[in-house]
């Protein structure tokens, strides 16, 4: 028997929960929400969604998409 975690339904790597707790929006310095379905970190205050690529959050405002109202 192995201790390997079961594979997820998607091929997206998971993000370390400790990393998510430490990250803040680079624009507002406010906490972020993790959207597992979209694989993004959401900044409600800045109205931006930062992508997560290969398990690494891309915390560049120019790489973020704007959230609809």
C-alpha atoms as a PDB file:
ATOM      1  CA  UNK A   1       0.000   0.000   0.000  1.00  0.00           C
ATOM      2  CA  UNK A   2       1.276   3.494  -0.839  1.00  0.00           C
ATOM      3  CA  UNK A   3       0.710   6.865   0.767  1.00  0.00           C
ATOM      4  CA  UNK A   4       0.194   8.567  -2.584  1.00  0.00           C
ATOM      5  CA  UNK A   5      -2.773  10.897  -2.774  1.00  0.00           C
ATOM      6  CA  UNK A   6      -5.531   9.869  -5.177  1.00  0.00           C
ATOM      7  CA  UNK A   7      -5.426  11.538  -8.556  1.00  0.00           C
ATOM      8  CA  UNK A   8      -7.763  14.457  -9.056  1.00  0.00           C
ATOM      9  CA  UNK A   9     -10.383  14.491 -11.767  1.00  0.00           C
ATOM     10  CA  UNK A  10      -8.457  17.276 -13.501  1.00  0.00           C
ATOM     11  CA  UNK A  11      -4.782  17.324 -14.380  1.00  0.00           C
ATOM     12  CA  UNK A  12      -4.246  20.569 -12.472  1.00  0.00           C
ATOM     13  CA  UNK A  13      -1.689  20.311  -9.698  1.00  0.00           C
ATOM     14  CA  UNK A  14      -2.857  21.318  -6.250  1.00  0.00           C
ATOM     15  CA  UNK A  15      -1.560  24.443  -4.528  1.00  0.00           C
ATOM     16  CA  UNK A  16       0.039  24.166  -1.101  1.00  0.00           C
ATOM     17  CA  UNK A  17      -2.528  25.449   1.454  1.00  0.00           C
ATOM     18  CA  UNK A  18       0.265  27.104   3.476  1.00  0.00           C
ATOM     19  CA  UNK A  19       1.235  29.112   0.398  1.00  0.00           C
ATOM     20  CA  UNK A  20      -2.366  30.208  -0.115  1.00  0.00           C
ATOM     21  CA  UNK A  21      -2.542  31.451   3.476  1.00  0.00           C
ATOM     22  CA  UNK A  22       0.572  33.587   2.986  1.00  0.00           C
ATOM     23  CA  UNK A  23      -0.347  35.173  -0.349  1.00  0.00           C
ATOM     24  CA  UNK A  24      -2.104  38.516  -0.628  1.00  0.00           C
ATOM     25  CA  UNK A  25      -3.196  40.580  -3.610  1.00  0.00           C
ATOM     26  CA  UNK A  26      -0.186  42.566  -4.883  1.00  0.00           C
ATOM     27  CA  UNK A  27      -2.476  45.510  -5.698  1.00  0.00           C
ATOM     28  CA  UNK A  28      -4.512  45.825  -2.491  1.00  0.00           C
ATOM     29  CA  UNK A  29      -2.539  43.672  -0.031  1.00  0.00           C
ATOM     30  CA  UNK A  30      -5.843  42.032   0.934  1.00  0.00           C
ATOM     31  CA  UNK A  31      -6.391  38.255   1.327  1.00  0.00           C
ATOM     32  CA  UNK A  32      -7.185  36.099  -1.695  1.00  0.00           C
ATOM     33  CA  UNK A  33      -9.794  33.394  -2.224  1.00  0.00           C
ATOM     34  CA  UNK A  34      -8.890  30.142  -3.968  1.00  0.00           C
ATOM     35  CA  UNK A  35     -11.244  29.166  -6.790  1.00  0.00           C
ATOM     36  CA  UNK A  36     -10.415  25.493  -7.328  1.00  0.00           C
ATOM     37  CA  UNK A  37     -12.791  25.104 -10.298  1.00  0.00           C
ATOM     38  CA  UNK A  38     -11.207  27.977 -12.238  1.00  0.00           C
ATOM     39  CA  UNK A  39      -7.716  27.348 -10.801  1.00  0.00           C
ATOM     40  CA  UNK A  40      -7.365  31.016  -9.849  1.00  0.00           C
ATOM     41  CA  UNK A  41      -6.777  33.204  -6.834  1.00  0.00           C
ATOM     42  CA  UNK A  42      -9.496  35.822  -6.519  1.00  0.00           C
ATOM     43  CA  UNK A  43      -9.026  39.348  -5.180  1.00  0.00           C
ATOM     44  CA  UNK A  44     -12.509  40.693  -4.530  1.00  0.00           C
ATOM     45  CA  UNK A  45     -11.126  44.085  -3.481  1.00  0.00           C
ATOM     46  CA  UNK A  46      -9.117  44.555  -6.703  1.00  0.00           C
ATOM     47  CA  UNK A  47     -11.682  42.661  -8.808  1.00  0.00           C
ATOM     48  CA  UNK A  48      -8.920  40.520 -10.297  1.00  0.00           C
ATOM     49  CA  UNK A  49      -8.391  36.779 -10.752  1.00  0.00           C
ATOM     50  CA  UNK A  50      -4.772  35.618 -10.728  1.00  0.00           C
ATOM     51  CA  UNK A  51      -4.088  32.411 -12.681  1.00  0.00           C
ATOM     52  CA  UNK A  52      -2.359  29.368 -11.235  1.00  0.00           C
ATOM     53  CA  UNK A  53      -0.089  27.693 -13.768  1.00  0.00           C
ATOM     54  CA  UNK A  54       1.528  24.323 -13.074  1.00  0.00           C
ATOM     55  CA  UNK A  55       0.713  24.774  -9.386  1.00  0.00           C
ATOM     56  CA  UNK A  56       2.370  28.202  -9.198  1.00  0.00           C
ATOM     57  CA  UNK A  57       0.268  31.343  -8.618  1.00  0.00           C
ATOM     58  CA  UNK A  58       1.082  34.066 -11.147  1.00  0.00           C
ATOM     59  CA  UNK A  59       0.778  37.180  -8.997  1.00  0.00           C
ATOM     60  CA  UNK A  60       1.301  39.787 -11.713  1.00  0.00           C
ATOM     61  CA  UNK A  61      -1.555  42.269 -12.177  1.00  0.00           C
ATOM     62  CA  UNK A  62      -0.923  42.315 -15.940  1.00  0.00           C
ATOM     63  CA  UNK A  63      -1.474  38.527 -16.045  1.00  0.00           C
ATOM     64  CA  UNK A  64      -4.733  38.681 -14.027  1.00  0.00           C
ATOM     65  CA  UNK A  65      -8.144  38.808 -15.600  1.00  0.00           C
ATOM     66  CA  UNK A  66     -10.695  41.392 -14.512  1.00  0.00           C
ATOM     67  CA  UNK A  67     -13.760  40.115 -12.718  1.00  0.00           C
ATOM     68  CA  UNK A  68     -17.191  41.055 -13.993  1.00  0.00           C
ATOM     69  CA  UNK A  69     -19.416  43.103 -11.727  1.00  0.00           C
END
